Amino acid sequence: MAKQNRQKVIDKRWDKKKAGGRVVRKDEAYVAPPVQALNPTQKLFLKELREKPVVIFSAPAGSGKSHLTMCEVTDWIKKDTGYNKLTLTRPTVGMGKSLGLLPGDLKEKYEPYLMPMIEVIKDRYGTGFYDTGIDNGVIELCALEHIRGRNFDQLVVIDEGQLLQPNEMYTLISRMADGGKLIILGDSTQRDHQGMDGITWLLNFVDRHDLSHIIGYIEGTSDDIERGDVCKAIVKAMEIDRKNIEGL
């Protein structure tokens, strides 16, 4: 079989597996094309992400927080840039109690909460890359109650950061070690508790102690939504409702 025809056969096999949801591997040397920013806010986030050890991206749903972050950090893992572990975590309602009510081990319990980030990994490098990463410890799903006492000298991504309490946020950022990178994603409009949230506390903390050279903050608005017109219209409508309620 000619070399060109052989490659076509191989490509067709991979396409067939992908169509059937059965992609289990990709060439270890393969690195996807760099993720591209679609607006100035996303461009600023990617810049801060590459330059600072702690980065916060607070923006409405559909602004590309999970997509940009997970594309970038998984590329870093694939490129062997010095990072060899990626830890994913987020607050859960009830935290330990809610996880305990779900069947299975920690991976089975925690995956549903982290699925928006996991789906980006799978879409970018295949199910096999994700499964292998979990098996060999390159990718770790970590419940917040297991964070205390850890050192963050690798990649750590926290989703739904607006649900963190100030003391939880302090615990997380105090885990930072040299060489590590902490990425905090959130949406200030989707909070489930009263009082100051962890992101707001951290921003005030950064301002009080002039820590902006190590902790970057990017805030997006509904104008930065790239998911589509429906998502943008719904978020903007909710913004109007909130303003009307606050004005009563």
C-alpha atoms as a PDB file:
ATOM      1  CA  MET A   1       0.000   0.000   0.000  1.00  0.00           C
ATOM      2  CA  ALA A   2       1.394   3.412  -0.958  1.00  0.00           C
ATOM      3  CA  LYS A   3       2.431   5.633   1.938  1.00  0.00           C
ATOM      4  CA  GLN A   4      -0.131   8.299   1.064  1.00  0.00           C
ATOM      5  CA  ASN A   5      -2.970   5.755   0.824  1.00  0.00           C
ATOM      6  CA  ARG A   6      -1.911   4.162   4.102  1.00  0.00           C
ATOM      7  CA  GLN A   7      -2.117   7.511   5.865  1.00  0.00           C
ATOM      8  CA  LYS A   8      -5.585   8.074   4.414  1.00  0.00           C
ATOM      9  CA  VAL A   9      -6.701   4.704   5.803  1.00  0.00           C
ATOM     10  CA  ILE A  10      -5.304   5.565   9.239  1.00  0.00           C
ATOM     11  CA  ASP A  11      -6.994   8.972   9.186  1.00  0.00           C
ATOM     12  CA  LYS A  12     -10.317   7.398   8.211  1.00  0.00           C
ATOM     13  CA  ARG A  13     -10.045   4.933  11.091  1.00  0.00           C
ATOM     14  CA  TRP A  14      -9.458   7.750  13.574  1.00  0.00           C
ATOM     15  CA  ASP A  15     -12.341   9.740  12.076  1.00  0.00           C
ATOM     16  CA  LYS A  16     -14.616   6.713  12.432  1.00  0.00           C
ATOM     17  CA  LYS A  17     -13.599   6.198  16.060  1.00  0.00           C
ATOM     18  CA  LYS A  18     -14.101   9.873  16.815  1.00  0.00           C
ATOM     19  CA  ALA A  19     -17.550   9.876  15.214  1.00  0.00           C
ATOM     20  CA  GLY A  20     -18.497   6.918  17.381  1.00  0.00           C
ATOM     21  CA  GLY A  21     -17.113   8.481  20.534  1.00  0.00           C
ATOM     22  CA  ARG A  22     -14.371   5.837  20.728  1.00  0.00           C
ATOM     23  CA  VAL A  23     -11.229   7.960  20.411  1.00  0.00           C
ATOM     24  CA  VAL A  24      -8.909   6.544  23.033  1.00  0.00           C
ATOM     25  CA  ARG A  25      -5.528   7.964  21.979  1.00  0.00           C
ATOM     26  CA  LYS A  26      -3.856  10.645  19.981  1.00  0.00           C
ATOM     27  CA  ASP A  27      -0.287  10.880  18.857  1.00  0.00           C
ATOM     28  CA  GLU A  28       1.686  11.846  21.967  1.00  0.00           C
ATOM     29  CA  ALA A  29       3.637  14.377  19.919  1.00  0.00           C
ATOM     30  CA  TYR A  30       0.495  16.063  18.594  1.00  0.00           C
ATOM     31  CA  VAL A  31      -0.255  19.543  19.945  1.00  0.00           C
ATOM     32  CA  ALA A  32      -3.418  21.300  18.843  1.00  0.00           C
ATOM     33  CA  PRO A  33      -3.183  24.752  17.233  1.00  0.00           C
ATOM     34  CA  PRO A  34      -2.979  27.512  19.872  1.00  0.00           C
ATOM     35  CA  VAL A  35      -6.317  28.713  21.194  1.00  0.00           C
ATOM     36  CA  GLN A  36      -7.259  32.118  19.792  1.00  0.00           C
ATOM     37  CA  ALA A  37      -8.809  35.012  21.697  1.00  0.00           C
ATOM     38  CA  LEU A  38     -12.047  36.255  20.159  1.00  0.00           C
ATOM     39  CA  ASN A  39     -12.197  39.644  21.884  1.00  0.00           C
ATOM     40  CA  PRO A  40      -9.925  42.028  23.844  1.00  0.00           C
ATOM     41  CA  THR A  41     -10.971  40.606  27.236  1.00  0.00           C
ATOM     42  CA  GLN A  42     -10.025  37.077  26.216  1.00  0.00           C
ATOM     43  CA  LYS A  43      -6.746  38.389  24.790  1.00  0.00           C
ATOM     44  CA  LEU A  44      -5.924  40.070  28.104  1.00  0.00           C
ATOM     45  CA  PHE A  45      -6.775  36.907  30.022  1.00  0.00           C
ATOM     46  CA  LEU A  46      -4.419  34.790  27.918  1.00  0.00           C
ATOM     47  CA  LYS A  47      -1.662  37.364  28.414  1.00  0.00           C
ATOM     48  CA  GLU A  48      -2.098  37.396  32.202  1.00  0.00           C
ATOM     49  CA  LEU A  49      -2.396  33.613  32.232  1.00  0.00           C
ATOM     50  CA  ARG A  50       1.010  33.240  30.628  1.00  0.00           C
ATOM     51  CA  GLU A  51       2.734  35.867  32.773  1.00  0.00           C
ATOM     52  CA  LYS A  52       1.420  35.668  36.369  1.00  0.00           C
ATOM     53  CA  PRO A  53       1.346  32.817  38.898  1.00  0.00           C
ATOM     54  CA  VAL A  54      -2.223  33.567  40.044  1.00  0.00           C
ATOM     55  CA  VAL A  55      -4.936  34.702  37.624  1.00  0.00           C
ATOM     56  CA  ILE A  56      -8.630  35.379  38.244  1.00  0.00           C
ATOM     57  CA  PHE A  57     -11.099  35.517  35.364  1.00  0.00           C
ATOM     58  CA  SER A  58     -14.570  36.646  36.428  1.00  0.00           C
ATOM     59  CA  ALA A  59     -17.109  36.841  33.614  1.00  0.00           C
ATOM     60  CA  PRO A  60     -20.673  35.771  32.706  1.00  0.00           C
ATOM     61  CA  ALA A  61     -21.530  32.370  31.306  1.00  0.00           C
ATOM     62  CA  GLY A  62     -20.425  31.929  27.707  1.00  0.00           C
ATOM     63  CA  SER A  63     -17.381  34.207  27.952  1.00  0.00           C
ATOM     64  CA  GLY A  64     -14.944  31.376  27.239  1.00  0.00           C
ATOM     65  CA  LYS A  65     -13.454  31.024  30.724  1.00  0.00           C
ATOM     66  CA  SER A  66     -13.281  27.227  30.775  1.00  0.00           C
ATOM     67  CA  HIS A  67     -12.499  26.850  27.073  1.00  0.00           C
ATOM     68  CA  LEU A  68      -9.552  29.250  27.006  1.00  0.00           C
ATOM     69  CA  THR A  69      -8.135  27.982  30.278  1.00  0.00           C
ATOM     70  CA  MET A  70      -8.329  24.273  29.568  1.00  0.00           C
ATOM     71  CA  CYS A  71      -7.032  24.602  26.000  1.00  0.00           C
ATOM     72  CA  GLU A  72      -4.031  26.560  27.248  1.00  0.00           C
ATOM     73  CA  VAL A  73      -3.125  24.408  30.259  1.00  0.00           C
ATOM     74  CA  THR A  74      -3.531  21.098  28.436  1.00  0.00           C
ATOM     75  CA  ASP A  75      -1.269  22.446  25.695  1.00  0.00           C
ATOM     76  CA  TRP A  76       1.324  23.213  28.362  1.00  0.00           C
ATOM     77  CA  ILE A  77       1.112  19.619  29.576  1.00  0.00           C
ATOM     78  CA  LYS A  78       1.427  18.283  26.032  1.00  0.00           C
ATOM     79  CA  LYS A  79       4.367  20.550  25.174  1.00  0.00           C
ATOM     80  CA  ASP A  80       6.350  19.480  28.226  1.00  0.00           C
ATOM     81  CA  THR A  81       6.849  23.107  29.299  1.00  0.00           C
ATOM     82  CA  GLY A  82       7.803  22.107  32.833  1.00  0.00           C
ATOM     83  CA  TYR A  83       4.298  21.388  34.067  1.00  0.00           C
ATOM     84  CA  ASN A  84       3.543  17.703  34.523  1.00  0.00           C
ATOM     85  CA  LYS A  85       0.392  17.797  36.627  1.00  0.00           C
ATOM     86  CA  LEU A  86      -2.994  19.490  36.332  1.00  0.00           C
ATOM     87  CA  THR A  87      -5.324  19.653  39.342  1.00  0.00           C
ATOM     88  CA  LEU A  88      -8.988  20.557  38.847  1.00  0.00           C
ATOM     89  CA  THR A  89     -11.264  21.563  41.713  1.00  0.00           C
ATOM     90  CA  ARG A  90     -14.322  23.640  42.542  1.00  0.00           C
ATOM     91  CA  PRO A  91     -16.721  24.212  45.417  1.00  0.00           C
ATOM     92  CA  THR A  92     -19.702  21.897  45.654  1.00  0.00           C
ATOM     93  CA  VAL A  93     -23.014  22.526  47.359  1.00  0.00           C
ATOM     94  CA  GLY A  94     -22.630  20.898  50.755  1.00  0.00           C
ATOM     95  CA  MET A  95     -19.066  19.981  49.758  1.00  0.00           C
ATOM     96  CA  GLY A  96     -18.162  16.759  51.623  1.00  0.00           C
ATOM     97  CA  LYS A  97     -21.766  15.827  52.393  1.00  0.00           C
ATOM     98  CA  SER A  98     -22.997  16.185  48.817  1.00  0.00           C
ATOM     99  CA  LEU A  99     -20.030  14.218  47.468  1.00  0.00           C
ATOM    100  CA  GLY A 100     -20.685  11.495  49.999  1.00  0.00           C
ATOM    101  CA  LEU A 101     -24.226  11.008  48.776  1.00  0.00           C
ATOM    102  CA  LEU A 102     -23.076  10.220  45.242  1.00  0.00           C
ATOM    103  CA  PRO A 103     -22.118   6.617  44.363  1.00  0.00           C
ATOM    104  CA  GLY A 104     -18.629   5.523  43.357  1.00  0.00           C
ATOM    105  CA  ASP A 105     -15.088   6.676  44.078  1.00  0.00           C
ATOM    106  CA  LEU A 106     -13.903  10.291  44.180  1.00  0.00           C
ATOM    107  CA  LYS A 107     -13.466  10.439  40.396  1.00  0.00           C
ATOM    108  CA  GLU A 108     -17.046   9.268  39.799  1.00  0.00           C
ATOM    109  CA  LYS A 109     -18.393  11.615  42.460  1.00  0.00           C
ATOM    110  CA  TYR A 110     -16.481  14.703  41.377  1.00  0.00           C
ATOM    111  CA  GLU A 111     -16.500  14.424  37.581  1.00  0.00           C
ATOM    112  CA  PRO A 112     -20.069  15.804  37.202  1.00  0.00           C
ATOM    113  CA  TYR A 113     -19.063  19.017  38.989  1.00  0.00           C
ATOM    114  CA  LEU A 114     -16.000  19.483  36.772  1.00  0.00           C
ATOM    115  CA  MET A 115     -17.518  18.339  33.487  1.00  0.00           C
ATOM    116  CA  PRO A 116     -17.330  21.749  31.725  1.00  0.00           C
ATOM    117  CA  MET A 117     -13.538  21.652  32.065  1.00  0.00           C
ATOM    118  CA  ILE A 118     -13.203  17.918  31.420  1.00  0.00           C
ATOM    119  CA  GLU A 119     -15.182  18.197  28.184  1.00  0.00           C
ATOM    120  CA  VAL A 120     -12.681  20.737  26.834  1.00  0.00           C
ATOM    121  CA  ILE A 121      -9.803  18.339  27.556  1.00  0.00           C
ATOM    122  CA  LYS A 122     -11.584  15.493  25.770  1.00  0.00           C
ATOM    123  CA  ASP A 123     -12.564  17.650  22.807  1.00  0.00           C
ATOM    124  CA  ARG A 124      -9.013  18.914  22.400  1.00  0.00           C
ATOM    125  CA  TYR A 125      -6.988  15.741  22.872  1.00  0.00           C
ATOM    126  CA  GLY A 126      -9.408  12.833  23.025  1.00  0.00           C
ATOM    127  CA  THR A 127     -10.991  10.699  25.721  1.00  0.00           C
ATOM    128  CA  GLY A 128      -7.896   8.523  25.895  1.00  0.00           C
ATOM    129  CA  PHE A 129      -5.682  11.472  26.793  1.00  0.00           C
ATOM    130  CA  TYR A 130      -7.998  12.351  29.664  1.00  0.00           C
ATOM    131  CA  ASP A 131      -8.402   8.773  30.925  1.00  0.00           C
ATOM    132  CA  THR A 132      -4.676   8.121  30.734  1.00  0.00           C
ATOM    133  CA  GLY A 133      -3.976  11.391  32.517  1.00  0.00           C
ATOM    134  CA  ILE A 134      -6.307  10.396  35.343  1.00  0.00           C
ATOM    135  CA  ASP A 135      -4.769   6.925  35.595  1.00  0.00           C
ATOM    136  CA  ASN A 136      -1.157   8.123  35.723  1.00  0.00           C
ATOM    137  CA  GLY A 137      -1.822  11.148  37.934  1.00  0.00           C
ATOM    138  CA  VAL A 138      -1.094  13.828  35.342  1.00  0.00           C
ATOM    139  CA  ILE A 139      -4.707  14.993  35.721  1.00  0.00           C
ATOM    140  CA  GLU A 140      -6.150  15.095  39.226  1.00  0.00           C
ATOM    141  CA  LEU A 141      -9.700  15.801  40.361  1.00  0.00           C
ATOM    142  CA  CYS A 142      -9.418  17.126  43.907  1.00  0.00           C
ATOM    143  CA  ALA A 143     -12.217  17.961  46.334  1.00  0.00           C
ATOM    144  CA  LEU A 144     -11.687  21.235  48.191  1.00  0.00           C
ATOM    145  CA  GLU A 145     -11.726  19.521  51.568  1.00  0.00           C
ATOM    146  CA  HIS A 146      -8.547  17.675  50.516  1.00  0.00           C
ATOM    147  CA  ILE A 147      -6.628  20.860  49.599  1.00  0.00           C
ATOM    148  CA  ARG A 148      -5.469  21.973  53.041  1.00  0.00           C
ATOM    149  CA  GLY A 149      -1.782  21.195  53.587  1.00  0.00           C
ATOM    150  CA  ARG A 150      -1.023  20.715  49.879  1.00  0.00           C
ATOM    151  CA  ASN A 151       1.652  22.545  47.867  1.00  0.00           C
ATOM    152  CA  PHE A 152       0.666  23.984  44.484  1.00  0.00           C
ATOM    153  CA  ASP A 153       3.878  23.756  42.458  1.00  0.00           C
ATOM    154  CA  GLN A 154       2.077  22.703  39.276  1.00  0.00           C
ATOM    155  CA  LEU A 155      -1.134  23.750  37.449  1.00  0.00           C
ATOM    156  CA  VAL A 156      -4.294  24.216  39.497  1.00  0.00           C
ATOM    157  CA  VAL A 157      -7.640  25.361  38.061  1.00  0.00           C
ATOM    158  CA  ILE A 158     -10.528  26.336  40.339  1.00  0.00           C
ATOM    159  CA  ASP A 159     -13.962  26.683  38.744  1.00  0.00           C
ATOM    160  CA  GLU A 160     -16.945  28.541  40.266  1.00  0.00           C
ATOM    161  CA  GLY A 161     -14.600  30.621  42.412  1.00  0.00           C
ATOM    162  CA  GLN A 162     -17.412  32.989  43.390  1.00  0.00           C
ATOM    163  CA  LEU A 163     -18.785  30.184  45.595  1.00  0.00           C
ATOM    164  CA  LEU A 164     -15.658  30.170  47.757  1.00  0.00           C
ATOM    165  CA  GLN A 165     -15.738  31.774  51.184  1.00  0.00           C
ATOM    166  CA  PRO A 166     -12.915  34.238  52.023  1.00  0.00           C
ATOM    167  CA  ASN A 167     -11.233  31.745  54.378  1.00  0.00           C
ATOM    168  CA  GLU A 168     -11.348  29.063  51.669  1.00  0.00           C
ATOM    169  CA  MET A 169      -9.794  31.437  49.148  1.00  0.00           C
ATOM    170  CA  TYR A 170      -7.011  32.313  51.577  1.00  0.00           C
ATOM    171  CA  THR A 171      -6.332  28.619  52.160  1.00  0.00           C
ATOM    172  CA  LEU A 172      -6.054  28.064  48.416  1.00  0.00           C
ATOM    173  CA  ILE A 173      -3.743  30.954  47.554  1.00  0.00           C
ATOM    174  CA  SER A 174      -1.522  30.174  50.563  1.00  0.00           C
ATOM    175  CA  ARG A 175      -0.856  26.754  48.988  1.00  0.00           C
ATOM    176  CA  MET A 176       1.111  28.404  46.153  1.00  0.00           C
ATOM    177  CA  ALA A 177       4.726  27.262  45.786  1.00  0.00           C
ATOM    178  CA  ASP A 178       7.443  28.449  43.407  1.00  0.00           C
ATOM    179  CA  GLY A 179       6.751  27.362  39.846  1.00  0.00           C
ATOM    180  CA  GLY A 180       3.056  26.784  40.387  1.00  0.00           C
ATOM    181  CA  LYS A 181       0.155  28.474  38.622  1.00  0.00           C
ATOM    182  CA  LEU A 182      -3.314  28.976  40.096  1.00  0.00           C
ATOM    183  CA  ILE A 183      -6.213  29.902  37.805  1.00  0.00           C
ATOM    184  CA  ILE A 184      -9.505  30.952  39.391  1.00  0.00           C
ATOM    185  CA  LEU A 185     -12.627  31.130  37.227  1.00  0.00           C
ATOM    186  CA  GLY A 186     -15.955  32.539  38.326  1.00  0.00           C
ATOM    187  CA  ASP A 187     -19.092  34.523  37.670  1.00  0.00           C
ATOM    188  CA  SER A 188     -20.054  37.073  40.323  1.00  0.00           C
ATOM    189  CA  THR A 189     -23.714  36.953  39.252  1.00  0.00           C
ATOM    190  CA  GLN A 190     -24.066  33.259  40.169  1.00  0.00           C
ATOM    191  CA  ARG A 191     -23.553  33.143  43.926  1.00  0.00           C
ATOM    192  CA  ASP A 192     -25.266  30.725  46.297  1.00  0.00           C
ATOM    193  CA  HIS A 193     -24.413  32.341  49.637  1.00  0.00           C
ATOM    194  CA  GLN A 194     -24.714  35.737  51.313  1.00  0.00           C
ATOM    195  CA  GLY A 195     -21.871  37.973  52.377  1.00  0.00           C
ATOM    196  CA  MET A 196     -18.515  38.606  50.762  1.00  0.00           C
ATOM    197  CA  ASP A 197     -17.383  35.884  48.369  1.00  0.00           C
ATOM    198  CA  GLY A 198     -13.826  34.640  47.997  1.00  0.00           C
ATOM    199  CA  ILE A 199     -13.070  36.457  44.741  1.00  0.00           C
ATOM    200  CA  THR A 200     -14.219  39.828  46.113  1.00  0.00           C
ATOM    201  CA  TRP A 201     -12.159  39.260  49.261  1.00  0.00           C
ATOM    202  CA  LEU A 202      -9.089  38.365  47.199  1.00  0.00           C
ATOM    203  CA  LEU A 203      -9.410  41.477  45.020  1.00  0.00           C
ATOM    204  CA  ASN A 204      -9.627  43.677  48.117  1.00  0.00           C
ATOM    205  CA  PHE A 205      -6.658  41.814  49.588  1.00  0.00           C
ATOM    206  CA  VAL A 206      -4.612  42.387  46.420  1.00  0.00           C
ATOM    207  CA  ASP A 207      -5.430  46.111  46.436  1.00  0.00           C
ATOM    208  CA  ARG A 208      -4.598  46.541  50.134  1.00  0.00           C
ATOM    209  CA  HIS A 209      -1.212  44.855  49.816  1.00  0.00           C
ATOM    210  CA  ASP A 210      -0.243  45.845  46.249  1.00  0.00           C
ATOM    211  CA  LEU A 211      -0.032  42.269  44.942  1.00  0.00           C
ATOM    212  CA  SER A 212      -1.135  42.952  41.381  1.00  0.00           C
ATOM    213  CA  HIS A 213       2.319  42.018  40.067  1.00  0.00           C
ATOM    214  CA  ILE A 214       1.687  38.368  41.055  1.00  0.00           C
ATOM    215  CA  ILE A 215      -2.119  38.155  41.023  1.00  0.00           C
ATOM    216  CA  GLY A 216      -3.860  39.157  37.810  1.00  0.00           C
ATOM    217  CA  TYR A 217      -7.566  39.957  37.538  1.00  0.00           C
ATOM    218  CA  ILE A 218      -9.673  40.062  34.391  1.00  0.00           C
ATOM    219  CA  GLU A 219     -13.341  40.987  34.516  1.00  0.00           C
ATOM    220  CA  GLY A 220     -15.613  40.307  31.575  1.00  0.00           C
ATOM    221  CA  THR A 221     -19.118  41.555  30.849  1.00  0.00           C
ATOM    222  CA  SER A 222     -22.063  40.290  28.863  1.00  0.00           C
ATOM    223  CA  ASP A 223     -20.540  42.002  25.824  1.00  0.00           C
ATOM    224  CA  ASP A 224     -17.724  39.426  25.985  1.00  0.00           C
ATOM    225  CA  ILE A 225     -20.040  36.429  25.593  1.00  0.00           C
ATOM    226  CA  GLU A 226     -19.000  34.308  22.607  1.00  0.00           C
ATOM    227  CA  ARG A 227     -21.218  31.244  23.141  1.00  0.00           C
ATOM    228  CA  GLY A 228     -23.878  32.640  20.863  1.00  0.00           C
ATOM    229  CA  ASP A 229     -26.700  35.150  20.457  1.00  0.00           C
ATOM    230  CA  VAL A 230     -29.166  33.180  22.591  1.00  0.00           C
ATOM    231  CA  CYS A 231     -26.828  33.018  25.578  1.00  0.00           C
ATOM    232  CA  LYS A 232     -25.949  36.705  25.253  1.00  0.00           C
ATOM    233  CA  ALA A 233     -29.601  37.731  25.012  1.00  0.00           C
ATOM    234  CA  ILE A 234     -30.559  35.712  28.103  1.00  0.00           C
ATOM    235  CA  VAL A 235     -27.692  37.077  30.207  1.00  0.00           C
ATOM    236  CA  LYS A 236     -28.441  40.652  29.184  1.00  0.00           C
ATOM    237  CA  ALA A 237     -32.123  40.160  29.995  1.00  0.00           C
ATOM    238  CA  MET A 238     -31.198  38.856  33.451  1.00  0.00           C
ATOM    239  CA  GLU A 239     -28.988  41.907  33.977  1.00  0.00           C
ATOM    240  CA  ILE A 240     -32.015  44.118  33.321  1.00  0.00           C
ATOM    241  CA  ASP A 241     -34.112  42.113  35.795  1.00  0.00           C
ATOM    242  CA  ARG A 242     -31.447  42.431  38.476  1.00  0.00           C
ATOM    243  CA  LYS A 243     -31.202  46.187  37.973  1.00  0.00           C
ATOM    244  CA  ASN A 244     -34.978  46.511  38.234  1.00  0.00           C
ATOM    245  CA  ILE A 245     -35.062  44.458  41.443  1.00  0.00           C
ATOM    246  CA  GLU A 246     -32.224  46.452  42.988  1.00  0.00           C
ATOM    247  CA  GLY A 247     -34.059  49.663  42.068  1.00  0.00           C
ATOM    248  CA  LEU A 248     -37.224  48.695  43.968  1.00  0.00           C
END
